[in-house]
Amino acid sequence: MDTWDAVCDFLETLPGAEQDPPGGREVVHVRGKVVAFPARNARSRPSNAEDSEEFVVVKVDPSERAALLHEDPKTFFVTPHYENYPGVIVRLSTI
């Protein structure tokens, strides 16, 4: 699952999932709540990222985030911009 499109295809299998309409923000909602969106700006990417790499911000609760960061810091990380956000950034090329 190395692209935003693949993430959307997967998330849309969840009950109540929907993507914003074409031309709108790139985001997936489940039951009206944001669950994921692409991380495409400099605040959302590690400084050593390849230009072709894709990243996604996924909302998770703080305990889940801590476990993911501890378990696989190459795949899951948080940039300073997202330190206080209830989510984690996922490096798609590693999952």
PDB file of N, CA and C in Angstrom:
ATOM      1  N   MET A   1       0.860  -1.171   0.000  1.00  0.00           N
ATOM      2  CA  MET A   1       0.000   0.000   0.000  1.00  0.00           C
ATOM      3  C   MET A   1       0.903   1.229   0.000  1.00  0.00           C
ATOM      4  N   ASP A   2       1.360   1.619  -1.178  1.00  0.00           N
ATOM      5  CA  ASP A   2       2.336   2.690  -1.214  1.00  0.00           C
ATOM      6  C   ASP A   2       1.846   3.981  -1.845  1.00  0.00           C
ATOM      7  N   THR A   3       0.526   4.107  -2.043  1.00  0.00           N
ATOM      8  CA  THR A   3      -0.010   5.353  -2.595  1.00  0.00           C
ATOM      9  C   THR A   3      -1.277   5.763  -1.839  1.00  0.00           C
ATOM     10  N   TRP A   4      -1.570   7.042  -1.924  1.00  0.00           N
ATOM     11  CA  TRP A   4      -2.797   7.558  -1.314  1.00  0.00           C
ATOM     12  C   TRP A   4      -4.019   6.867  -1.913  1.00  0.00           C
ATOM     13  N   ASP A   5      -4.010   6.605  -3.212  1.00  0.00           N
ATOM     14  CA  ASP A   5      -5.143   5.924  -3.848  1.00  0.00           C
ATOM     15  C   ASP A   5      -5.362   4.537  -3.239  1.00  0.00           C
ATOM     16  N   ALA A   6      -4.275   3.810  -2.971  1.00  0.00           N
ATOM     17  CA  ALA A   6      -4.394   2.480  -2.351  1.00  0.00           C
ATOM     18  C   ALA A   6      -4.950   2.597  -0.938  1.00  0.00           C
ATOM     19  N   VAL A   7      -4.528   3.616  -0.215  1.00  0.00           N
ATOM     20  CA  VAL A   7      -5.059   3.848   1.140  1.00  0.00           C
ATOM     21  C   VAL A   7      -6.558   4.122   1.064  1.00  0.00           C
ATOM     22  N   CYS A   8      -6.950   4.974   0.123  1.00  0.00           N
ATOM     23  CA  CYS A   8      -8.382   5.284  -0.036  1.00  0.00           C
ATOM     24  C   CYS A   8      -9.182   4.040  -0.379  1.00  0.00           C
ATOM     25  N   ASP A   9      -8.670   3.235  -1.291  1.00  0.00           N
ATOM     26  CA  ASP A   9      -9.369   2.001  -1.657  1.00  0.00           C
ATOM     27  C   ASP A   9      -9.575   1.117  -0.431  1.00  0.00           C
ATOM     28  N   PHE A  10      -8.557   1.001   0.408  1.00  0.00           N
ATOM     29  CA  PHE A  10      -8.664   0.189   1.622  1.00  0.00           C
ATOM     30  C   PHE A  10      -9.651   0.808   2.606  1.00  0.00           C
ATOM     31  N   LEU A  11      -9.501   2.098   2.892  1.00  0.00           N
ATOM     32  CA  LEU A  11     -10.361   2.745   3.891  1.00  0.00           C
ATOM     33  C   LEU A  11     -11.826   2.756   3.471  1.00  0.00           C
ATOM     34  N   GLU A  12     -12.077   2.827   2.178  1.00  0.00           N
ATOM     35  CA  GLU A  12     -13.464   2.862   1.713  1.00  0.00           C
ATOM     36  C   GLU A  12     -14.192   1.539   1.918  1.00  0.00           C
ATOM     37  N   THR A  13     -13.482   0.487   2.343  1.00  0.00           N
ATOM     38  CA  THR A  13     -14.144  -0.768   2.675  1.00  0.00           C
ATOM     39  C   THR A  13     -14.737  -0.726   4.078  1.00  0.00           C
ATOM     40  N   LEU A  14     -14.380   0.283   4.867  1.00  0.00           N
ATOM     41  CA  LEU A  14     -14.916   0.411   6.224  1.00  0.00           C
ATOM     42  C   LEU A  14     -16.347   0.922   6.176  1.00  0.00           C
ATOM     43  N   PRO A  15     -17.217   0.415   7.056  1.00  0.00           N
ATOM     44  CA  PRO A  15     -18.598   0.906   7.085  1.00  0.00           C
ATOM     45  C   PRO A  15     -18.636   2.406   7.383  1.00  0.00           C
ATOM     46  N   GLY A  16     -19.368   3.138   6.593  1.00  0.00           N
ATOM     47  CA  GLY A  16     -19.527   4.575   6.811  1.00  0.00           C
ATOM     48  C   GLY A  16     -18.404   5.421   6.255  1.00  0.00           C
ATOM     49  N   ALA A  17     -17.469   4.818   5.512  1.00  0.00           N
ATOM     50  CA  ALA A  17     -16.341   5.577   4.960  1.00  0.00           C
ATOM     51  C   ALA A  17     -16.750   6.294   3.686  1.00  0.00           C
ATOM     52  N   GLU A  18     -16.210   7.493   3.524  1.00  0.00           N
ATOM     53  CA  GLU A  18     -16.432   8.247   2.304  1.00  0.00           C
ATOM     54  C   GLU A  18     -15.281   9.218   2.097  1.00  0.00           C
ATOM     55  N   GLN A  19     -14.998   9.454   0.834  1.00  0.00           N
ATOM     56  CA  GLN A  19     -13.958  10.394   0.472  1.00  0.00           C
ATOM     57  C   GLN A  19     -14.609  11.722   0.148  1.00  0.00           C
ATOM     58  N   ASP A  20     -13.880  12.826   0.372  1.00  0.00           N
ATOM     59  CA  ASP A  20     -14.421  14.112  -0.044  1.00  0.00           C
ATOM     60  C   ASP A  20     -14.658  14.084  -1.546  1.00  0.00           C
ATOM     61  N   PRO A  21     -15.599  14.867  -2.016  1.00  0.00           N
ATOM     62  CA  PRO A  21     -15.915  14.834  -3.447  1.00  0.00           C
ATOM     63  C   PRO A  21     -14.714  15.264  -4.291  1.00  0.00           C
ATOM     64  N   PRO A  22     -14.676  14.813  -5.559  1.00  0.00           N
ATOM     65  CA  PRO A  22     -13.583  15.220  -6.453  1.00  0.00           C
ATOM     66  C   PRO A  22     -13.429  16.740  -6.468  1.00  0.00           C
ATOM     67  N   GLY A  23     -12.184  17.189  -6.438  1.00  0.00           N
ATOM     68  CA  GLY A  23     -11.923  18.624  -6.419  1.00  0.00           C
ATOM     69  C   GLY A  23     -11.914  19.197  -5.016  1.00  0.00           C
ATOM     70  N   GLY A  24     -12.381  18.418  -4.031  1.00  0.00           N
ATOM     71  CA  GLY A  24     -12.371  18.876  -2.645  1.00  0.00           C
ATOM     72  C   GLY A  24     -11.062  18.486  -1.980  1.00  0.00           C
ATOM     73  N   ARG A  25     -11.012  18.662  -0.684  1.00  0.00           N
ATOM     74  CA  ARG A  25      -9.823  18.244   0.076  1.00  0.00           C
ATOM     75  C   ARG A  25      -9.637  16.753  -0.039  1.00  0.00           C
ATOM     76  N   GLU A  26      -8.404  16.309  -0.094  1.00  0.00           N
ATOM     77  CA  GLU A  26      -8.141  14.873  -0.116  1.00  0.00           C
ATOM     78  C   GLU A  26      -8.184  14.380   1.321  1.00  0.00           C
ATOM     79  N   VAL A  27      -9.269  13.725   1.665  1.00  0.00           N
ATOM     80  CA  VAL A  27      -9.448  13.238   3.029  1.00  0.00           C
ATOM     81  C   VAL A  27     -10.475  12.114   3.013  1.00  0.00           C
ATOM     82  N   VAL A  28     -10.305  11.154   3.911  1.00  0.00           N
ATOM     83  CA  VAL A  28     -11.293  10.091   4.073  1.00  0.00           C
ATOM     84  C   VAL A  28     -11.933  10.268   5.443  1.00  0.00           C
ATOM     85  N   HIS A  29     -13.260  10.204   5.456  1.00  0.00           N
ATOM     86  CA  HIS A  29     -14.056  10.288   6.679  1.00  0.00           C
ATOM     87  C   HIS A  29     -14.675   8.923   6.939  1.00  0.00           C
ATOM     88  N   VAL A  30     -14.854   8.592   8.196  1.00  0.00           N
ATOM     89  CA  VAL A  30     -15.648   7.436   8.584  1.00  0.00           C
ATOM     90  C   VAL A  30     -16.689   7.957   9.562  1.00  0.00           C
ATOM     91  N   ARG A  31     -17.942   7.756   9.176  1.00  0.00           N
ATOM     92  CA  ARG A  31     -19.070   8.265   9.961  1.00  0.00           C
ATOM     93  C   ARG A  31     -18.922   9.752  10.279  1.00  0.00           C
ATOM     94  N   GLY A  32     -18.478  10.501   9.267  1.00  0.00           N
ATOM     95  CA  GLY A  32     -18.382  11.948   9.383  1.00  0.00           C
ATOM     96  C   GLY A  32     -17.123  12.481  10.043  1.00  0.00           C
ATOM     97  N   LYS A  33     -16.234  11.611  10.509  1.00  0.00           N
ATOM     98  CA  LYS A  33     -15.016  12.069  11.178  1.00  0.00           C
ATOM     99  C   LYS A  33     -13.801  11.774  10.299  1.00  0.00           C
ATOM    100  N   VAL A  34     -12.880  12.722  10.260  1.00  0.00           N
ATOM    101  CA  VAL A  34     -11.652  12.549   9.485  1.00  0.00           C
ATOM    102  C   VAL A  34     -10.845  11.401  10.072  1.00  0.00           C
ATOM    103  N   VAL A  35     -10.392  10.481   9.207  1.00  0.00           N
ATOM    104  CA  VAL A  35      -9.531   9.391   9.668  1.00  0.00           C
ATOM    105  C   VAL A  35      -8.166   9.413   8.995  1.00  0.00           C
ATOM    106  N   ALA A  36      -8.065   9.976   7.794  1.00  0.00           N
ATOM    107  CA  ALA A  36      -6.774   9.992   7.111  1.00  0.00           C
ATOM    108  C   ALA A  36      -6.756  11.039   6.008  1.00  0.00           C
ATOM    109  N   PHE A  37      -5.556  11.575   5.778  1.00  0.00           N
ATOM    110  CA  PHE A  37      -5.348  12.496   4.665  1.00  0.00           C
ATOM    111  C   PHE A  37      -3.877  12.451   4.271  1.00  0.00           C
ATOM    112  N   PRO A  38      -3.571  12.780   3.013  1.00  0.00           N
ATOM    113  CA  PRO A  38      -2.182  12.705   2.570  1.00  0.00           C
ATOM    114  C   PRO A  38      -1.340  13.786   3.247  1.00  0.00           C
ATOM    115  N   ALA A  39      -0.107  13.442   3.537  1.00  0.00           N
ATOM    116  CA  ALA A  39       0.847  14.382   4.147  1.00  0.00           C
ATOM    117  C   ALA A  39       1.787  14.830   3.042  1.00  0.00           C
ATOM    118  N   ARG A  40       1.467  15.939   2.428  1.00  0.00           N
ATOM    119  CA  ARG A  40       2.232  16.349   1.248  1.00  0.00           C
ATOM    120  C   ARG A  40       3.045  17.615   1.434  1.00  0.00           C
ATOM    121  N   ASN A  41       2.900  18.308   2.541  1.00  0.00           N
ATOM    122  CA  ASN A  41       3.673  19.541   2.698  1.00  0.00           C
ATOM    123  C   ASN A  41       4.926  19.292   3.549  1.00  0.00           C
ATOM    124  N   ALA A  42       5.813  20.238   3.561  1.00  0.00           N
ATOM    125  CA  ALA A  42       7.098  20.084   4.262  1.00  0.00           C
ATOM    126  C   ALA A  42       6.918  19.842   5.756  1.00  0.00           C
ATOM    127  N   ARG A  43       5.856  20.340   6.365  1.00  0.00           N
ATOM    128  CA  ARG A  43       5.617  20.137   7.805  1.00  0.00           C
ATOM    129  C   ARG A  43       5.277  18.689   8.129  1.00  0.00           C
ATOM    130  N   SER A  44       4.913  17.917   7.112  1.00  0.00           N
ATOM    131  CA  SER A  44       4.443  16.550   7.309  1.00  0.00           C
ATOM    132  C   SER A  44       5.422  15.494   6.828  1.00  0.00           C
ATOM    133  N   ARG A  45       6.572  15.915   6.381  1.00  0.00           N
ATOM    134  CA  ARG A  45       7.519  14.968   5.782  1.00  0.00           C
ATOM    135  C   ARG A  45       8.852  15.049   6.521  1.00  0.00           C
ATOM    136  N   PRO A  46       9.512  13.926   6.680  1.00  0.00           N
ATOM    137  CA  PRO A  46      10.849  13.978   7.277  1.00  0.00           C
ATOM    138  C   PRO A  46      11.819  14.645   6.302  1.00  0.00           C
ATOM    139  N   SER A  47      12.834  15.272   6.827  1.00  0.00           N
ATOM    140  CA  SER A  47      13.766  16.012   5.969  1.00  0.00           C
ATOM    141  C   SER A  47      14.519  15.096   5.011  1.00  0.00           C
ATOM    142  N   ASN A  48      14.655  13.820   5.347  1.00  0.00           N
ATOM    143  CA  ASN A  48      15.400  12.898   4.486  1.00  0.00           C
ATOM    144  C   ASN A  48      14.498  12.111   3.527  1.00  0.00           C
ATOM    145  N   ALA A  49      13.258  12.531   3.354  1.00  0.00           N
ATOM    146  CA  ALA A  49      12.323  11.806   2.491  1.00  0.00           C
ATOM    147  C   ALA A  49      12.662  11.999   1.017  1.00  0.00           C
ATOM    148  N   GLU A  50      12.512  10.928   0.256  1.00  0.00           N
ATOM    149  CA  GLU A  50      12.648  11.004  -1.199  1.00  0.00           C
ATOM    150  C   GLU A  50      11.443  11.769  -1.749  1.00  0.00           C
ATOM    151  N   ASP A  51      11.645  12.516  -2.829  1.00  0.00           N
ATOM    152  CA  ASP A  51      10.548  13.285  -3.419  1.00  0.00           C
ATOM    153  C   ASP A  51       9.376  12.404  -3.827  1.00  0.00           C
ATOM    154  N   SER A  52       9.662  11.172  -4.228  1.00  0.00           N
ATOM    155  CA  SER A  52       8.603  10.279  -4.709  1.00  0.00           C
ATOM    156  C   SER A  52       7.856   9.562  -3.584  1.00  0.00           C
ATOM    157  N   GLU A  53       8.360   9.642  -2.355  1.00  0.00           N
ATOM    158  CA  GLU A  53       7.705   8.940  -1.237  1.00  0.00           C
ATOM    159  C   GLU A  53       6.385   9.595  -0.873  1.00  0.00           C
ATOM    160  N   GLU A  54       5.424   8.749  -0.487  1.00  0.00           N
ATOM    161  CA  GLU A  54       4.130   9.258  -0.039  1.00  0.00           C
ATOM    162  C   GLU A  54       3.949   8.959   1.448  1.00  0.00           C
ATOM    163  N   PHE A  55       3.288   9.894   2.122  1.00  0.00           N
ATOM    164  CA  PHE A  55       3.013   9.791   3.552  1.00  0.00           C
ATOM    165  C   PHE A  55       1.548  10.117   3.782  1.00  0.00           C
ATOM    166  N   VAL A  56       0.973   9.508   4.811  1.00  0.00           N
ATOM    167  CA  VAL A  56      -0.425   9.733   5.156  1.00  0.00           C
ATOM    168  C   VAL A  56      -0.516  10.015   6.648  1.00  0.00           C
ATOM    169  N   VAL A  57      -1.338  10.985   7.006  1.00  0.00           N
ATOM    170  CA  VAL A  57      -1.632  11.248   8.407  1.00  0.00           C
ATOM    171  C   VAL A  57      -2.880  10.457   8.757  1.00  0.00           C
ATOM    172  N   VAL A  58      -2.781   9.635   9.805  1.00  0.00           N
ATOM    173  CA  VAL A  58      -3.893   8.805  10.260  1.00  0.00           C
ATOM    174  C   VAL A  58      -4.212   9.181  11.696  1.00  0.00           C
ATOM    175  N   LYS A  59      -5.483   9.452  11.960  1.00  0.00           N
ATOM    176  CA  LYS A  59      -5.872   9.793  13.332  1.00  0.00           C
ATOM    177  C   LYS A  59      -5.850   8.549  14.203  1.00  0.00           C
ATOM    178  N   VAL A  60      -5.223   8.665  15.349  1.00  0.00           N
ATOM    179  CA  VAL A  60      -5.178   7.585  16.343  1.00  0.00           C
ATOM    180  C   VAL A  60      -5.178   8.227  17.727  1.00  0.00           C
ATOM    181  N   ASP A  61      -5.569   7.445  18.724  1.00  0.00           N
ATOM    182  CA  ASP A  61      -5.540   7.998  20.078  1.00  0.00           C
ATOM    183  C   ASP A  61      -4.100   7.972  20.594  1.00  0.00           C
ATOM    184  N   PRO A  62      -3.809   8.750  21.631  1.00  0.00           N
ATOM    185  CA  PRO A  62      -2.434   8.890  22.120  1.00  0.00           C
ATOM    186  C   PRO A  62      -1.748   7.580  22.500  1.00  0.00           C
ATOM    187  N   SER A  63      -2.452   6.647  23.098  1.00  0.00           N
ATOM    188  CA  SER A  63      -1.797   5.392  23.486  1.00  0.00           C
ATOM    189  C   SER A  63      -1.442   4.556  22.260  1.00  0.00           C
ATOM    190  N   GLU A  64      -2.306   4.545  21.256  1.00  0.00           N
ATOM    191  CA  GLU A  64      -1.999   3.828  20.015  1.00  0.00           C
ATOM    192  C   GLU A  64      -0.804   4.471  19.315  1.00  0.00           C
ATOM    193  N   ARG A  65      -0.796   5.787  19.295  1.00  0.00           N
ATOM    194  CA  ARG A  65       0.314   6.501  18.660  1.00  0.00           C
ATOM    195  C   ARG A  65       1.632   6.175  19.345  1.00  0.00           C
ATOM    196  N   ALA A  66       1.656   6.210  20.659  1.00  0.00           N
ATOM    197  CA  ALA A  66       2.882   5.901  21.397  1.00  0.00           C
ATOM    198  C   ALA A  66       3.374   4.493  21.075  1.00  0.00           C
ATOM    199  N   ALA A  67       2.463   3.543  20.995  1.00  0.00           N
ATOM    200  CA  ALA A  67       2.846   2.162  20.686  1.00  0.00           C
ATOM    201  C   ALA A  67       3.408   2.062  19.273  1.00  0.00           C
ATOM    202  N   LEU A  68       2.779   2.721  18.305  1.00  0.00           N
ATOM    203  CA  LEU A  68       3.262   2.683  16.925  1.00  0.00           C
ATOM    204  C   LEU A  68       4.640   3.325  16.797  1.00  0.00           C
ATOM    205  N   LEU A  69       4.832   4.468  17.446  1.00  0.00           N
ATOM    206  CA  LEU A  69       6.119   5.157  17.391  1.00  0.00           C
ATOM    207  C   LEU A  69       7.222   4.302  18.003  1.00  0.00           C
ATOM    208  N   HIS A  70       6.898   3.600  19.063  1.00  0.00           N
ATOM    209  CA  HIS A  70       7.875   2.744  19.732  1.00  0.00           C
ATOM    210  C   HIS A  70       8.182   1.490  18.903  1.00  0.00           C
ATOM    211  N   GLU A  71       7.136   0.896  18.353  1.00  0.00           N
ATOM    212  CA  GLU A  71       7.256  -0.374  17.642  1.00  0.00           C
ATOM    213  C   GLU A  71       7.978  -0.265  16.294  1.00  0.00           C
ATOM    214  N   ASP A  72       7.688   0.794  15.533  1.00  0.00           N
ATOM    215  CA  ASP A  72       8.253   0.903  14.186  1.00  0.00           C
ATOM    216  C   ASP A  72       8.476   2.377  13.806  1.00  0.00           C
ATOM    217  N   PRO A  73       9.531   2.995  14.340  1.00  0.00           N
ATOM    218  CA  PRO A  73       9.763   4.422  14.079  1.00  0.00           C
ATOM    219  C   PRO A  73      10.137   4.747  12.630  1.00  0.00           C
ATOM    220  N   LYS A  74      10.497   3.754  11.842  1.00  0.00           N
ATOM    221  CA  LYS A  74      10.774   4.006  10.425  1.00  0.00           C
ATOM    222  C   LYS A  74       9.470   4.227   9.651  1.00  0.00           C
ATOM    223  N   THR A  75       8.429   3.509  10.053  1.00  0.00           N
ATOM    224  CA  THR A  75       7.133   3.608   9.384  1.00  0.00           C
ATOM    225  C   THR A  75       6.256   4.693   9.990  1.00  0.00           C
ATOM    226  N   PHE A  76       6.230   4.777  11.309  1.00  0.00           N
ATOM    227  CA  PHE A  76       5.344   5.705  12.020  1.00  0.00           C
ATOM    228  C   PHE A  76       6.175   6.773  12.707  1.00  0.00           C
ATOM    229  N   PHE A  77       5.811   8.028  12.502  1.00  0.00           N
ATOM    230  CA  PHE A  77       6.555   9.119  13.120  1.00  0.00           C
ATOM    231  C   PHE A  77       5.652  10.340  13.233  1.00  0.00           C
ATOM    232  N   VAL A  78       6.155  11.358  13.899  1.00  0.00           N
ATOM    233  CA  VAL A  78       5.447  12.622  14.062  1.00  0.00           C
ATOM    234  C   VAL A  78       6.463  13.738  13.849  1.00  0.00           C
ATOM    235  N   THR A  79       6.122  14.708  13.027  1.00  0.00           N
ATOM    236  CA  THR A  79       6.970  15.876  12.862  1.00  0.00           C
ATOM    237  C   THR A  79       6.569  16.898  13.929  1.00  0.00           C
ATOM    238  N   PRO A  80       7.402  17.898  14.177  1.00  0.00           N
ATOM    239  CA  PRO A  80       7.047  18.904  15.192  1.00  0.00           C
ATOM    240  C   PRO A  80       5.665  19.521  14.970  1.00  0.00           C
ATOM    241  N   HIS A  81       5.282  19.709  13.713  1.00  0.00           N
ATOM    242  CA  HIS A  81       3.971  20.303  13.417  1.00  0.00           C
ATOM    243  C   HIS A  81       2.816  19.460  13.967  1.00  0.00           C
ATOM    244  N   TYR A  82       2.995  18.151  14.014  1.00  0.00           N
ATOM    245  CA  TYR A  82       1.927  17.249  14.441  1.00  0.00           C
ATOM    246  C   TYR A  82       2.077  16.721  15.864  1.00  0.00           C
ATOM    247  N   GLU A  83       2.991  17.267  16.643  1.00  0.00           N
ATOM    248  CA  GLU A  83       3.202  16.776  18.009  1.00  0.00           C
ATOM    249  C   GLU A  83       1.938  16.828  18.859  1.00  0.00           C
ATOM    250  N   ASN A  84       1.126  17.847  18.687  1.00  0.00           N
ATOM    251  CA  ASN A  84      -0.098  17.987  19.492  1.00  0.00           C
ATOM    252  C   ASN A  84      -1.352  17.551  18.754  1.00  0.00           C
ATOM    253  N   TYR A  85      -1.190  16.922  17.605  1.00  0.00           N
ATOM    254  CA  TYR A  85      -2.322  16.441  16.808  1.00  0.00           C
ATOM    255  C   TYR A  85      -2.587  14.979  17.162  1.00  0.00           C
ATOM    256  N   PRO A  86      -3.847  14.571  17.251  1.00  0.00           N
ATOM    257  CA  PRO A  86      -4.154  13.179  17.613  1.00  0.00           C
ATOM    258  C   PRO A  86      -4.011  12.223  16.431  1.00  0.00           C
ATOM    259  N   GLY A  87      -2.793  12.096  15.954  1.00  0.00           N
ATOM    260  CA  GLY A  87      -2.554  11.229  14.817  1.00  0.00           C
ATOM    261  C   GLY A  87      -1.090  10.888  14.682  1.00  0.00           C
ATOM    262  N   VAL A  88      -0.809  10.100  13.646  1.00  0.00           N
ATOM    263  CA  VAL A  88       0.547   9.667  13.365  1.00  0.00           C
ATOM    264  C   VAL A  88       0.745   9.739  11.854  1.00  0.00           C
ATOM    265  N   ILE A  89       1.982  10.002  11.433  1.00  0.00           N
ATOM    266  CA  ILE A  89       2.302  10.032  10.017  1.00  0.00           C
ATOM    267  C   ILE A  89       2.846   8.658   9.635  1.00  0.00           C
ATOM    268  N   VAL A  90       2.370   8.127   8.517  1.00  0.00           N
ATOM    269  CA  VAL A  90       2.745   6.789   8.061  1.00  0.00           C
ATOM    270  C   VAL A  90       3.550   6.907   6.759  1.00  0.00           C
ATOM    271  N   ARG A  91       4.729   6.289   6.738  1.00  0.00           N
ATOM    272  CA  ARG A  91       5.546   6.200   5.519  1.00  0.00           C
ATOM    273  C   ARG A  91       4.999   5.013   4.720  1.00  0.00           C
ATOM    274  N   LEU A  92       4.300   5.294   3.626  1.00  0.00           N
ATOM    275  CA  LEU A  92       3.611   4.247   2.884  1.00  0.00           C
ATOM    276  C   LEU A  92       4.541   3.223   2.261  1.00  0.00           C
ATOM    277  N   SER A  93       5.754   3.607   1.918  1.00  0.00           N
ATOM    278  CA  SER A  93       6.662   2.667   1.269  1.00  0.00           C
ATOM    279  C   SER A  93       7.103   1.525   2.185  1.00  0.00           C
ATOM    280  N   THR A  94       6.838   1.647   3.477  1.00  0.00           N
ATOM    281  CA  THR A  94       7.275   0.605   4.424  1.00  0.00           C
ATOM    282  C   THR A  94       6.145  -0.294   4.894  1.00  0.00           C
ATOM    283  N   ILE A  95       4.941  -0.070   4.411  1.00  0.00           N
ATOM    284  CA  ILE A  95       3.838  -0.957   4.843  1.00  0.00           C
ATOM    285  C   ILE A  95       3.303  -1.755   3.676  1.00  0.00           C
TER     286      ILE A  95
END
